[in-house]
Every structure is written in structure tokens, then in C-alpha cells.
Amino acid sequence: MKTVSLSGSLRENVGKKDAKKHRRDFKVPCVMYGGKEQVHFVADEKSLMKVMHTPVAYIFKLNVGGHEYSTIIQDVQYHPVTDRMLHVDFMEILAEKPVTIGVPIKVTGTAPGVLRGGKLIKKMRKLVIKALVQHLPDEVTVSIDGLEIGDSVKISDMKLENVLFLDPASSVIVGVRTARAVVEEVVPGAEGAAATAAAAPAEAAKKAEAPKK
């Protein structure tokens, strides 16, 4: 999994007033937990924004108070109006402890159903997985080769060594549906039969209206 470095400064005080002051200075209050103790700090808002709004899942090499920690983001709180980050929760990860994280999906291949006019539907953008840090993938590859119209790939179809998938097994990741533009094939001979059947009532009406000699 990709790694990014992030520096933070320890918070001297923990409270709402202190948090508001940091936000005015474009600093985001953060907390790191999961290890021996919680660490409260602030991080630069711009630095976080660069990696926050991307589909990539990162391991953060967090440097706070002269110590370096391996962490992942567990939760982000946003302002309901301005959409600015209010608070970020980091979790320290250890080599011997499994990590739960959402990783992006990469769809590969060509679905025969799409070539026949079907529409590819992506139901999920990320998959929640659990694995040791050394086994965490950058992304999870989902192949659509062989998918016909009506077929799909579900969580239960996914297999990745040393990785446990935590989403419901029945959840659909990607599938192929019938597009509106697809017209059902006409059975040979059916078109002529349908035309004859449609013309029969009209022919009968003409005969009924014809004057008798």
C-alpha cells in the first residue's frame, strides 16, 4: 500500500476553544489511537486535502513530537456547510495486528455482455478488507471478463490471499444490465406472422363495409 508522510504538532490543550483557534489558523485537530496511548495533535489542512479527496488508500507515516507512527485514517468529520475538515481520527497500525480499511476497486477486462449492447453498472467504489499491514493491497482488481447481460461479480466471488473481505457476501460489486437501446432479437418467421395477424382485422373490416351486389 502507498505511503505518504505527514507532520503534526502536539496540542497543548484539548477543547472546543482550542480547536476553533487551530481551525482559524488552517490547522485540523486530530487524534491518533490504537497504540499504547492517544496522541492529540494538529496537522496542516492543505497537506491533508492533497491526499484526502483521492480514491487512493494511504498509510500515513505520521511524525508528531519527534516520534514516527504508521497510521491509517479511520474517520473524518466535515463542516455541514463549508465542507472543511473539522477533525480527523488516525489509527496506529502494528505489524502483528490486522487492519480494517477501505481500498479502491480497479475493474479490468472486457465484458461480452457490454459488447452485445449491455450496460456496465459499478455498484461499489471501495471494498472493506481486513489484513496485516504487510498484506494490504493498493487496490482490489475485479475482472469483468466473461460477464454476459444479467451477470455480476459479488463479494462472495472475490478471493485474495491473506485478505478477508468484510462487506456482505451477497453485495454486487459490478454487473451488466440490459440497456434501453438493446432490442430483443426477432424469431425467424415471427415478424411475418405478426404482420399477417395484425392485417387480419383490417381486412375483415373492409369486407364488412363493402356493398353487397
C-alpha atoms as a PDB file:
ATOM      1  CA  MET A   1       0.000   0.000   0.000  1.00  0.00           C
ATOM      2  CA  LYS A   2       1.197   3.515  -0.833  1.00  0.00           C
ATOM      3  CA  THR A   3       2.747   5.564   1.945  1.00  0.00           C
ATOM      4  CA  VAL A   4       2.646   9.321   2.499  1.00  0.00           C
ATOM      5  CA  SER A   5       4.423  11.384   5.159  1.00  0.00           C
ATOM      6  CA  LEU A   6       2.548  13.830   7.364  1.00  0.00           C
ATOM      7  CA  SER A   7       3.851  16.105  10.124  1.00  0.00           C
ATOM      8  CA  GLY A   8       1.836  17.227  13.106  1.00  0.00           C
ATOM      9  CA  SER A   9       2.230  19.357  16.203  1.00  0.00           C
ATOM     10  CA  LEU A  10       1.185  18.210  19.648  1.00  0.00           C
ATOM     11  CA  ARG A  11      -1.795  20.053  21.127  1.00  0.00           C
ATOM     12  CA  GLU A  12      -1.108  21.698  24.462  1.00  0.00           C
ATOM     13  CA  ASN A  13      -4.805  21.980  25.248  1.00  0.00           C
ATOM     14  CA  VAL A  14      -7.705  19.799  24.179  1.00  0.00           C
ATOM     15  CA  GLY A  15     -11.048  21.589  23.988  1.00  0.00           C
ATOM     16  CA  LYS A  16     -13.525  23.349  21.717  1.00  0.00           C
ATOM     17  CA  LYS A  17     -11.947  26.802  22.073  1.00  0.00           C
ATOM     18  CA  ASP A  18      -8.508  25.432  21.317  1.00  0.00           C
ATOM     19  CA  ALA A  19      -9.851  23.519  18.311  1.00  0.00           C
ATOM     20  CA  LYS A  20     -11.551  26.616  16.888  1.00  0.00           C
ATOM     21  CA  LYS A  21      -8.332  28.584  17.230  1.00  0.00           C
ATOM     22  CA  HIS A  22      -6.397  25.962  15.269  1.00  0.00           C
ATOM     23  CA  ARG A  23      -9.053  25.841  12.534  1.00  0.00           C
ATOM     24  CA  ARG A  24      -8.791  29.615  12.110  1.00  0.00           C
ATOM     25  CA  ASP A  25      -5.071  29.037  11.513  1.00  0.00           C
ATOM     26  CA  PHE A  26      -5.932  26.369   8.882  1.00  0.00           C
ATOM     27  CA  LYS A  27      -4.877  23.526  11.156  1.00  0.00           C
ATOM     28  CA  VAL A  28      -7.017  20.409  11.608  1.00  0.00           C
ATOM     29  CA  PRO A  29      -7.377  18.908  15.109  1.00  0.00           C
ATOM     30  CA  CYS A  30      -6.518  15.203  15.028  1.00  0.00           C
ATOM     31  CA  VAL A  31      -6.213  12.243  17.343  1.00  0.00           C
ATOM     32  CA  MET A  32      -4.271   9.019  16.954  1.00  0.00           C
ATOM     33  CA  TYR A  33      -5.280   5.898  18.853  1.00  0.00           C
ATOM     34  CA  GLY A  34      -4.805   2.143  18.655  1.00  0.00           C
ATOM     35  CA  GLY A  35      -1.398   2.088  20.311  1.00  0.00           C
ATOM     36  CA  LYS A  36      -0.281   2.447  23.895  1.00  0.00           C
ATOM     37  CA  GLU A  37      -1.794   5.909  24.267  1.00  0.00           C
ATOM     38  CA  GLN A  38      -3.825   8.510  22.464  1.00  0.00           C
ATOM     39  CA  VAL A  39      -1.938  11.345  20.791  1.00  0.00           C
ATOM     40  CA  HIS A  40      -3.715  14.665  20.199  1.00  0.00           C
ATOM     41  CA  PHE A  41      -2.182  16.899  17.550  1.00  0.00           C
ATOM     42  CA  VAL A  42      -2.934  19.284  14.688  1.00  0.00           C
ATOM     43  CA  ALA A  43      -1.997  18.863  11.024  1.00  0.00           C
ATOM     44  CA  ASP A  44      -1.828  21.312   8.143  1.00  0.00           C
ATOM     45  CA  GLU A  45      -5.185  21.494   6.355  1.00  0.00           C
ATOM     46  CA  LYS A  46      -3.654  21.827   2.862  1.00  0.00           C
ATOM     47  CA  SER A  47      -1.410  18.810   3.396  1.00  0.00           C
ATOM     48  CA  LEU A  48      -4.409  16.698   4.363  1.00  0.00           C
ATOM     49  CA  MET A  49      -6.539  17.982   1.480  1.00  0.00           C
ATOM     50  CA  LYS A  50      -3.955  16.797  -1.059  1.00  0.00           C
ATOM     51  CA  VAL A  51      -4.487  13.154  -0.091  1.00  0.00           C
ATOM     52  CA  MET A  52      -7.999  13.227   1.317  1.00  0.00           C
ATOM     53  CA  HIS A  53     -10.007  13.725  -1.867  1.00  0.00           C
ATOM     54  CA  THR A  54      -8.449  10.923  -3.883  1.00  0.00           C
ATOM     55  CA  PRO A  55      -9.606   7.315  -4.353  1.00  0.00           C
ATOM     56  CA  VAL A  56      -6.228   6.040  -3.139  1.00  0.00           C
ATOM     57  CA  ALA A  57      -5.914   4.497   0.326  1.00  0.00           C
ATOM     58  CA  TYR A  58      -2.729   5.532   2.116  1.00  0.00           C
ATOM     59  CA  ILE A  59      -0.625   4.513   5.071  1.00  0.00           C
ATOM     60  CA  PHE A  60       0.427   7.714   6.816  1.00  0.00           C
ATOM     61  CA  LYS A  61       3.921   7.956   8.253  1.00  0.00           C
ATOM     62  CA  LEU A  62       2.949  10.378  10.975  1.00  0.00           C
ATOM     63  CA  ASN A  63       5.661  12.453  12.639  1.00  0.00           C
ATOM     64  CA  VAL A  64       4.470  14.072  15.854  1.00  0.00           C
ATOM     65  CA  GLY A  65       6.584  15.313  18.746  1.00  0.00           C
ATOM     66  CA  GLY A  66       9.732  13.703  17.383  1.00  0.00           C
ATOM     67  CA  HIS A  67       8.126  10.249  17.091  1.00  0.00           C
ATOM     68  CA  GLU A  68       7.065   8.471  13.907  1.00  0.00           C
ATOM     69  CA  TYR A  69       3.963   6.294  13.715  1.00  0.00           C
ATOM     70  CA  SER A  70       2.450   4.171  10.958  1.00  0.00           C
ATOM     71  CA  THR A  71      -1.222   5.069  10.759  1.00  0.00           C
ATOM     72  CA  ILE A  72      -4.354   4.972   8.619  1.00  0.00           C
ATOM     73  CA  ILE A  73      -7.323   7.335   8.652  1.00  0.00           C
ATOM     74  CA  GLN A  74     -10.352   5.888  10.408  1.00  0.00           C
ATOM     75  CA  ASP A  75     -12.773   8.803  10.340  1.00  0.00           C
ATOM     76  CA  VAL A  76     -13.094  12.370   9.069  1.00  0.00           C
ATOM     77  CA  GLN A  77     -15.630  14.929  10.278  1.00  0.00           C
ATOM     78  CA  TYR A  78     -16.624  17.732   7.894  1.00  0.00           C
ATOM     79  CA  HIS A  79     -18.442  21.020   8.416  1.00  0.00           C
ATOM     80  CA  PRO A  80     -22.031  20.609   7.115  1.00  0.00           C
ATOM     81  CA  VAL A  81     -21.955  23.940   5.243  1.00  0.00           C
ATOM     82  CA  THR A  82     -18.358  24.764   4.284  1.00  0.00           C
ATOM     83  CA  ASP A  83     -17.266  21.117   3.897  1.00  0.00           C
ATOM     84  CA  ARG A  84     -13.989  21.936   5.653  1.00  0.00           C
ATOM     85  CA  MET A  85     -12.386  19.236   7.752  1.00  0.00           C
ATOM     86  CA  LEU A  86     -13.234  19.602  11.439  1.00  0.00           C
ATOM     87  CA  HIS A  87     -11.458  16.583  12.880  1.00  0.00           C
ATOM     88  CA  VAL A  88      -9.528  13.525  11.714  1.00  0.00           C
ATOM     89  CA  ASP A  89      -9.105  10.211  13.552  1.00  0.00           C
ATOM     90  CA  PHE A  90      -5.959   8.220  12.847  1.00  0.00           C
ATOM     91  CA  MET A  91      -5.348   4.659  13.977  1.00  0.00           C
ATOM     92  CA  GLU A  92      -1.849   3.379  14.648  1.00  0.00           C
ATOM     93  CA  ILE A  93      -1.095   0.156  12.826  1.00  0.00           C
ATOM     94  CA  LEU A  94       1.246  -2.556  14.049  1.00  0.00           C
ATOM     95  CA  ALA A  95       2.887  -5.330  12.032  1.00  0.00           C
ATOM     96  CA  GLU A  96       1.301  -8.095  14.122  1.00  0.00           C
ATOM     97  CA  LYS A  97      -2.203  -6.559  14.293  1.00  0.00           C
ATOM     98  CA  PRO A  98      -4.762  -6.897  11.432  1.00  0.00           C
ATOM     99  CA  VAL A  99      -6.035  -3.644   9.946  1.00  0.00           C
ATOM    100  CA  THR A 100      -9.533  -2.890   8.658  1.00  0.00           C
ATOM    101  CA  ILE A 101      -9.572  -0.397   5.803  1.00  0.00           C
ATOM    102  CA  GLY A 102     -11.460   0.511   2.626  1.00  0.00           C
ATOM    103  CA  VAL A 103      -9.439   0.116  -0.571  1.00  0.00           C
ATOM    104  CA  PRO A 104     -10.382   1.239  -4.107  1.00  0.00           C
ATOM    105  CA  ILE A 105     -11.610  -1.123  -6.806  1.00  0.00           C
ATOM    106  CA  LYS A 106      -9.944  -1.466 -10.220  1.00  0.00           C
ATOM    107  CA  VAL A 107     -12.152  -3.012 -12.904  1.00  0.00           C
ATOM    108  CA  THR A 108     -10.269  -4.853 -15.655  1.00  0.00           C
ATOM    109  CA  GLY A 109     -11.174  -6.784 -18.792  1.00  0.00           C
ATOM    110  CA  THR A 110     -13.979  -6.606 -21.333  1.00  0.00           C
ATOM    111  CA  ALA A 111     -17.470  -7.931 -20.680  1.00  0.00           C
ATOM    112  CA  PRO A 112     -19.073  -9.779 -23.642  1.00  0.00           C
ATOM    113  CA  GLY A 113     -22.430  -8.521 -22.412  1.00  0.00           C
ATOM    114  CA  VAL A 114     -21.300  -4.918 -22.917  1.00  0.00           C
ATOM    115  CA  LEU A 115     -20.155  -5.701 -26.463  1.00  0.00           C
ATOM    116  CA  ARG A 116     -23.669  -7.029 -27.117  1.00  0.00           C
ATOM    117  CA  GLY A 117     -25.217  -3.749 -26.023  1.00  0.00           C
ATOM    118  CA  GLY A 118     -25.479  -4.199 -22.272  1.00  0.00           C
ATOM    119  CA  LYS A 119     -24.541  -1.514 -19.763  1.00  0.00           C
ATOM    120  CA  LEU A 120     -21.782  -1.929 -17.173  1.00  0.00           C
ATOM    121  CA  ILE A 121     -23.002  -0.944 -13.700  1.00  0.00           C
ATOM    122  CA  LYS A 122     -20.465  -0.255 -10.938  1.00  0.00           C
ATOM    123  CA  LYS A 123     -22.159  -0.660  -7.572  1.00  0.00           C
ATOM    124  CA  MET A 124     -19.159  -0.172  -5.303  1.00  0.00           C
ATOM    125  CA  ARG A 125     -16.097   2.084  -5.398  1.00  0.00           C
ATOM    126  CA  LYS A 126     -14.281   0.611  -2.396  1.00  0.00           C
ATOM    127  CA  LEU A 127     -14.160  -2.717  -0.596  1.00  0.00           C
ATOM    128  CA  VAL A 128     -13.687  -3.042   3.141  1.00  0.00           C
ATOM    129  CA  ILE A 129     -10.932  -5.535   3.866  1.00  0.00           C
ATOM    130  CA  LYS A 130      -9.024  -6.851   6.864  1.00  0.00           C
ATOM    131  CA  ALA A 131      -5.384  -7.888   6.685  1.00  0.00           C
ATOM    132  CA  LEU A 132      -1.979  -7.460   8.257  1.00  0.00           C
ATOM    133  CA  VAL A 133      -0.273  -4.258   7.139  1.00  0.00           C
ATOM    134  CA  GLN A 134       2.267  -6.163   5.024  1.00  0.00           C
ATOM    135  CA  HIS A 135      -0.575  -7.754   3.039  1.00  0.00           C
ATOM    136  CA  LEU A 136      -2.641  -4.620   2.425  1.00  0.00           C
ATOM    137  CA  PRO A 137      -3.083  -4.043  -1.345  1.00  0.00           C
ATOM    138  CA  ASP A 138      -3.123  -0.643  -3.045  1.00  0.00           C
ATOM    139  CA  GLU A 139      -6.342  -1.694  -4.770  1.00  0.00           C
ATOM    140  CA  VAL A 140      -8.513  -4.727  -5.400  1.00  0.00           C
ATOM    141  CA  THR A 141      -8.747  -5.896  -9.011  1.00  0.00           C
ATOM    142  CA  VAL A 142     -12.144  -7.065 -10.258  1.00  0.00           C
ATOM    143  CA  SER A 143     -12.216  -8.816 -13.650  1.00  0.00           C
ATOM    144  CA  ILE A 144     -15.334  -8.499 -15.813  1.00  0.00           C
ATOM    145  CA  ASP A 145     -14.123 -10.925 -18.484  1.00  0.00           C
ATOM    146  CA  GLY A 146     -16.909 -13.385 -19.199  1.00  0.00           C
ATOM    147  CA  LEU A 147     -19.781 -11.267 -17.847  1.00  0.00           C
ATOM    148  CA  GLU A 148     -22.873 -11.593 -20.030  1.00  0.00           C
ATOM    149  CA  ILE A 149     -26.011  -9.467 -19.751  1.00  0.00           C
ATOM    150  CA  GLY A 150     -27.543 -10.235 -16.353  1.00  0.00           C
ATOM    151  CA  ASP A 151     -24.255 -11.445 -14.838  1.00  0.00           C
ATOM    152  CA  SER A 152     -22.445  -9.782 -11.937  1.00  0.00           C
ATOM    153  CA  VAL A 153     -19.450 -10.077  -9.626  1.00  0.00           C
ATOM    154  CA  LYS A 154     -20.299 -10.276  -5.923  1.00  0.00           C
ATOM    155  CA  ILE A 155     -18.233 -10.125  -2.756  1.00  0.00           C
ATOM    156  CA  SER A 156     -18.593 -13.898  -2.469  1.00  0.00           C
ATOM    157  CA  ASP A 157     -16.713 -14.234  -5.783  1.00  0.00           C
ATOM    158  CA  MET A 158     -13.660 -12.374  -4.505  1.00  0.00           C
ATOM    159  CA  LYS A 159     -10.560 -14.287  -3.435  1.00  0.00           C
ATOM    160  CA  LEU A 160      -7.313 -12.652  -2.345  1.00  0.00           C
ATOM    161  CA  GLU A 161      -4.591 -14.380  -0.376  1.00  0.00           C
ATOM    162  CA  ASN A 162      -4.173 -13.197   3.233  1.00  0.00           C
ATOM    163  CA  VAL A 163      -7.089 -10.763   2.847  1.00  0.00           C
ATOM    164  CA  LEU A 164     -10.560 -11.028   4.394  1.00  0.00           C
ATOM    165  CA  PHE A 165     -13.455  -9.225   2.684  1.00  0.00           C
ATOM    166  CA  LEU A 166     -15.864  -7.707   5.203  1.00  0.00           C
ATOM    167  CA  ASP A 167     -18.705  -6.424   3.010  1.00  0.00           C
ATOM    168  CA  PRO A 168     -21.840  -8.654   2.836  1.00  0.00           C
ATOM    169  CA  ALA A 169     -21.155 -11.689   0.648  1.00  0.00           C
ATOM    170  CA  SER A 170     -24.263 -11.010  -1.461  1.00  0.00           C
ATOM    171  CA  SER A 171     -23.262  -7.414  -2.293  1.00  0.00           C
ATOM    172  CA  VAL A 172     -22.847  -6.789  -6.027  1.00  0.00           C
ATOM    173  CA  ILE A 173     -19.593  -5.061  -6.975  1.00  0.00           C
ATOM    174  CA  VAL A 174     -20.145  -4.732 -10.715  1.00  0.00           C
ATOM    175  CA  GLY A 175     -22.645  -6.169 -13.191  1.00  0.00           C
ATOM    176  CA  VAL A 176     -24.012  -5.957 -16.735  1.00  0.00           C
ATOM    177  CA  ARG A 177     -27.612  -4.918 -17.301  1.00  0.00           C
ATOM    178  CA  THR A 178     -29.790  -4.699 -20.365  1.00  0.00           C
ATOM    179  CA  ALA A 179     -29.533  -1.244 -21.897  1.00  0.00           C
ATOM    180  CA  ARG A 180     -32.663   0.512 -23.180  1.00  0.00           C
ATOM    181  CA  ALA A 181     -31.206   0.621 -26.658  1.00  0.00           C
ATOM    182  CA  VAL A 182     -30.972  -3.157 -26.826  1.00  0.00           C
ATOM    183  CA  VAL A 183     -33.801  -4.642 -28.908  1.00  0.00           C
ATOM    184  CA  GLU A 184     -34.718  -8.279 -28.482  1.00  0.00           C
ATOM    185  CA  GLU A 185     -33.960 -10.489 -31.441  1.00  0.00           C
ATOM    186  CA  VAL A 186     -36.972 -11.383 -33.566  1.00  0.00           C
ATOM    187  CA  VAL A 187     -37.549 -15.086 -34.040  1.00  0.00           C
ATOM    188  CA  PRO A 188     -37.316 -16.015 -37.772  1.00  0.00           C
ATOM    189  CA  GLY A 189     -40.780 -16.113 -39.276  1.00  0.00           C
ATOM    190  CA  ALA A 190     -42.354 -14.377 -36.288  1.00  0.00           C
ATOM    191  CA  GLU A 191     -42.258 -10.958 -37.965  1.00  0.00           C
ATOM    192  CA  GLY A 192     -44.260 -12.182 -40.967  1.00  0.00           C
ATOM    193  CA  ALA A 193     -46.744 -13.987 -38.759  1.00  0.00           C
ATOM    194  CA  ALA A 194     -47.228 -10.902 -36.618  1.00  0.00           C
ATOM    195  CA  ALA A 195     -47.826  -8.741 -39.684  1.00  0.00           C
ATOM    196  CA  THR A 196     -50.410 -11.179 -41.023  1.00  0.00           C
ATOM    197  CA  ALA A 197     -52.201 -11.305 -37.677  1.00  0.00           C
ATOM    198  CA  ALA A 198     -52.250  -7.502 -37.476  1.00  0.00           C
ATOM    199  CA  ALA A 199     -53.630  -7.177 -41.007  1.00  0.00           C
ATOM    200  CA  ALA A 200     -56.430  -9.720 -40.484  1.00  0.00           C
ATOM    201  CA  PRO A 201     -58.821  -7.442 -38.519  1.00  0.00           C
ATOM    202  CA  ALA A 202     -58.403  -4.637 -41.049  1.00  0.00           C
ATOM    203  CA  GLU A 203     -59.132  -6.966 -43.964  1.00  0.00           C
ATOM    204  CA  ALA A 204     -62.227  -8.266 -42.197  1.00  0.00           C
ATOM    205  CA  ALA A 205     -63.466  -4.727 -41.642  1.00  0.00           C
ATOM    206  CA  LYS A 206     -63.065  -3.853 -45.320  1.00  0.00           C
ATOM    207  CA  LYS A 207     -65.138  -6.874 -46.349  1.00  0.00           C
ATOM    208  CA  ALA A 208     -67.908  -5.940 -43.906  1.00  0.00           C
ATOM    209  CA  GLU A 209     -68.085  -2.381 -45.282  1.00  0.00           C
ATOM    210  CA  ALA A 210     -68.119  -3.471 -48.952  1.00  0.00           C
ATOM    211  CA  PRO A 211     -71.595  -3.009 -50.609  1.00  0.00           C
ATOM    212  CA  LYS A 212     -73.456  -6.183 -51.354  1.00  0.00           C
ATOM    213  CA  LYS A 213     -74.181  -6.877 -55.018  1.00  0.00           C
END
